């Protein structure tokens, strides 16, 4: 494995394997939390805050105005920022003193994994771009070797036919 191209391919494959393992080992249902927004908060501001705190699938508005969300980023820093945000009046289902979501809370409809709690990977576009880059590295680094391997597998049949012998075993007749 001496060529630079093969090293690039190996890095791409290793990166894809690490991403897959991280997802497989850490994916779990997102908790459902209720948020009561400040009444004078503009819809655009609310949408921006929902995106900032990874609050998805808003539903089940109660008469007092609270909305249920799937919370994808359950890191301490994200929950603390959400609880202390001036646009948020109340965060039911979140421990406001310790900034954690209790374990016995209901699950939402979305799934979360460690990338949602990792700075730099929280953004879906970033994760998609990383996947595309790693896949391109893996394919670009190993495609030529794959073609060569396929040609090597096909070569004995071609060589056999080029020698003018019929296909099949060359056993002596008689």
Protein backbone atom coordinates (compact mmCIF):
# COMPACT_ATOMS: atom_id res chain seq x y z
CA UNK A 1 0.00 0.00 0.00
CA UNK A 2 2.60 2.46 -1.08
CA UNK A 3 0.90 4.92 -3.38
CA UNK A 4 -0.63 8.17 -2.24
CA UNK A 5 -3.85 7.24 -4.02
CA UNK A 6 -4.18 4.08 -1.94
CA UNK A 7 -3.58 6.01 1.28
CA UNK A 8 -6.32 8.47 0.35
CA UNK A 9 -8.65 5.55 -0.34
CA UNK A 10 -7.76 3.93 2.98
CA UNK A 11 -8.44 7.18 4.85
CA UNK A 12 -11.81 7.49 3.09
CA UNK A 13 -12.78 3.93 4.00
CA UNK A 14 -11.61 4.37 7.61
CA UNK A 15 -13.56 7.64 7.91
CA UNK A 16 -16.73 6.02 6.57
CA UNK A 17 -16.26 3.08 8.94
CA UNK A 18 -15.83 5.44 11.90
CA UNK A 19 -18.96 7.41 10.98
CA UNK A 20 -20.95 4.22 10.59
CA UNK A 21 -19.71 2.82 13.89
CA UNK A 22 -20.43 6.10 15.70
CA UNK A 23 -23.98 6.11 14.35
CA UNK A 24 -24.56 2.44 15.11
CA UNK A 25 -23.26 2.72 18.68
CA UNK A 26 -24.88 6.03 19.66
CA UNK A 27 -28.23 6.38 17.85
CA UNK A 28 -31.27 6.56 20.09
CA UNK A 29 -34.73 8.13 20.07
CA UNK A 30 -34.72 11.86 20.78
CA UNK A 31 -36.49 13.00 23.95
CA UNK A 32 -39.73 14.96 23.61
CA UNK A 33 -39.61 18.26 25.49
CA UNK A 34 -42.12 21.09 25.80
CA UNK A 35 -41.07 24.69 25.19
CA UNK A 36 -43.10 27.79 26.00
CA UNK A 37 -41.88 30.66 23.84
CA UNK A 38 -42.20 34.32 24.75
CA UNK A 39 -45.53 35.56 23.28
CA UNK A 40 -43.96 38.53 21.50
CA UNK A 41 -41.36 36.36 19.73
CA UNK A 42 -41.63 36.73 15.94
CA UNK A 43 -42.18 33.49 13.98
CA UNK A 44 -38.84 33.98 12.17
CA UNK A 45 -37.02 34.33 15.51
CA UNK A 46 -38.75 31.23 16.86
CA UNK A 47 -37.78 29.25 13.75
CA UNK A 48 -34.17 30.42 14.10
CA UNK A 49 -34.10 29.34 17.76
CA UNK A 50 -35.63 25.97 16.90
CA UNK A 51 -32.86 25.43 14.37
CA UNK A 52 -30.15 26.70 16.72
CA UNK A 53 -31.13 24.31 19.53
CA UNK A 54 -31.99 21.38 17.20
CA UNK A 55 -35.67 21.36 18.16
CA UNK A 56 -37.54 19.42 15.48
CA UNK A 57 -41.03 18.15 14.81
CA UNK A 58 -42.95 20.89 16.68
CA UNK A 59 -46.44 19.63 17.55
CA UNK A 60 -49.18 19.36 20.17
CA UNK A 61 -49.59 23.04 21.09
CA UNK A 62 -51.29 23.33 24.47
CA UNK A 63 -53.75 26.14 25.38
CA UNK A 64 -51.05 28.03 27.36
CA UNK A 65 -48.92 27.99 24.17
CA UNK A 66 -46.22 25.38 24.88
CA UNK A 67 -45.11 23.20 21.97
CA UNK A 68 -43.68 19.67 22.09
CA UNK A 69 -40.40 19.14 20.20
CA UNK A 70 -37.88 16.38 19.57
CA UNK A 71 -34.60 17.62 21.09
CA UNK A 72 -31.67 16.23 19.09
CA UNK A 73 -28.82 17.91 21.00
CA UNK A 74 -28.98 16.87 24.65
CA UNK A 75 -25.52 18.20 25.50
CA UNK A 76 -25.19 20.28 28.66
CA UNK A 77 -24.14 23.39 26.75
CA UNK A 78 -27.11 23.23 24.37
CA UNK A 79 -29.68 22.62 27.11
CA UNK A 80 -28.21 25.36 29.32
CA UNK A 81 -28.32 27.84 26.43
CA UNK A 82 -31.92 26.82 25.66
CA UNK A 83 -33.09 27.17 29.28
CA UNK A 84 -31.36 30.56 29.68
CA UNK A 85 -32.44 31.95 26.30
CA UNK A 86 -34.51 35.15 26.74
CA UNK A 87 -36.96 33.95 24.07
CA UNK A 88 -37.91 30.93 26.18
CA UNK A 89 -40.36 31.36 29.07
CA UNK A 90 -40.48 27.76 30.25
CA UNK A 91 -38.94 24.40 29.41
CA UNK A 92 -41.13 21.66 30.74
CA UNK A 93 -39.47 18.21 30.84
CA UNK A 94 -35.99 19.73 31.39
CA UNK A 95 -34.32 19.98 34.79
CA UNK A 96 -33.73 23.73 34.96
CA UNK A 97 -31.14 23.51 37.76
CA UNK A 98 -28.93 20.77 36.32
CA UNK A 99 -29.67 21.35 32.60
CA UNK A 100 -30.44 17.71 31.84
CA UNK A 101 -33.37 15.85 30.34
CA UNK A 102 -34.66 13.16 32.74
CA UNK A 103 -34.30 9.56 31.60
CA UNK A 104 -37.97 8.75 32.14
CA UNK A 105 -39.18 11.32 29.59
CA UNK A 106 -41.24 10.32 26.55
CA UNK A 107 -39.50 9.82 23.23
CA UNK A 108 -40.22 11.91 20.17
CA UNK A 109 -40.44 10.76 16.58
CA UNK A 110 -36.86 11.59 15.51
CA UNK A 111 -33.59 9.81 16.21
CA UNK A 112 -30.40 11.44 17.46
CA UNK A 113 -26.76 10.35 17.57
CA UNK A 114 -23.44 11.70 18.77
CA UNK A 115 -23.01 13.92 15.70
CA UNK A 116 -25.95 16.04 16.94
CA UNK A 117 -23.94 16.77 20.10
CA UNK A 118 -20.60 17.34 18.35
CA UNK A 119 -19.64 20.89 17.33
CA UNK A 120 -18.98 21.01 13.61
CA UNK A 121 -21.13 17.96 12.88
CA UNK A 122 -24.43 19.31 14.26
CA UNK A 123 -25.31 20.74 10.85
CA UNK A 124 -26.86 18.23 8.43
CA UNK A 125 -25.15 19.85 5.43
CA UNK A 126 -21.76 19.45 7.08
CA UNK A 127 -22.41 15.76 7.79
CA UNK A 128 -23.56 15.24 4.19
CA UNK A 129 -20.49 17.01 2.80
CA UNK A 130 -18.21 14.92 5.03
CA UNK A 131 -19.89 11.72 3.82
CA UNK A 132 -19.53 12.78 0.16
CA UNK A 133 -15.84 13.68 0.64
CA UNK A 134 -15.03 10.39 2.41
CA UNK A 135 -16.93 8.37 -0.20
CA UNK A 136 -15.12 10.18 -3.01
CA UNK A 137 -11.79 9.52 -1.29
CA UNK A 138 -12.60 5.84 -0.86
CA UNK A 139 -13.80 5.36 -4.43
CA UNK A 140 -11.10 7.50 -5.99
CA UNK A 141 -8.37 5.80 -4.03
CA UNK A 142 -9.43 2.24 -4.66
CA UNK A 143 -11.37 2.33 -7.96
CA UNK A 144 -8.32 1.61 -10.13
CA UNK A 145 -7.38 -1.34 -7.91
CA UNK A 146 -10.93 -2.66 -8.13
CA UNK A 147 -10.86 -2.51 -11.93
CA UNK A 148 -7.49 -4.26 -11.94
CA UNK A 149 -8.78 -6.99 -9.65
CA UNK A 150 -11.81 -7.52 -11.90
CA UNK A 151 -9.59 -7.73 -14.94
CA UNK A 152 -7.35 -10.23 -13.15
CA UNK A 153 -10.34 -12.40 -12.34
CA UNK A 154 -11.46 -12.32 -15.95
CA UNK A 155 -7.96 -12.83 -17.42
CA UNK A 156 -7.65 -16.65 -17.12
CA UNK A 157 -10.73 -17.15 -19.29
CA UNK A 158 -9.49 -14.64 -21.85
CA UNK A 159 -5.95 -16.12 -21.91
CA UNK A 160 -7.40 -19.60 -22.27
CA UNK A 161 -9.46 -18.59 -25.29
CA UNK A 162 -6.61 -16.64 -26.89
CA UNK A 163 -4.51 -19.79 -26.95
CA UNK A 164 -7.08 -21.31 -29.29
CA UNK A 165 -8.24 -23.99 -26.91
CA UNK A 166 -11.90 -24.69 -26.21
CA UNK A 167 -13.26 -23.47 -22.90
CA UNK A 168 -13.21 -25.96 -20.06
CA UNK A 169 -10.54 -28.16 -18.58
CA UNK A 170 -7.59 -29.10 -20.77
CA UNK A 171 -7.53 -32.81 -20.12
CA UNK A 172 -5.76 -35.15 -22.48
CA UNK A 173 -8.12 -37.09 -24.67
CA UNK A 174 -7.76 -40.86 -24.57
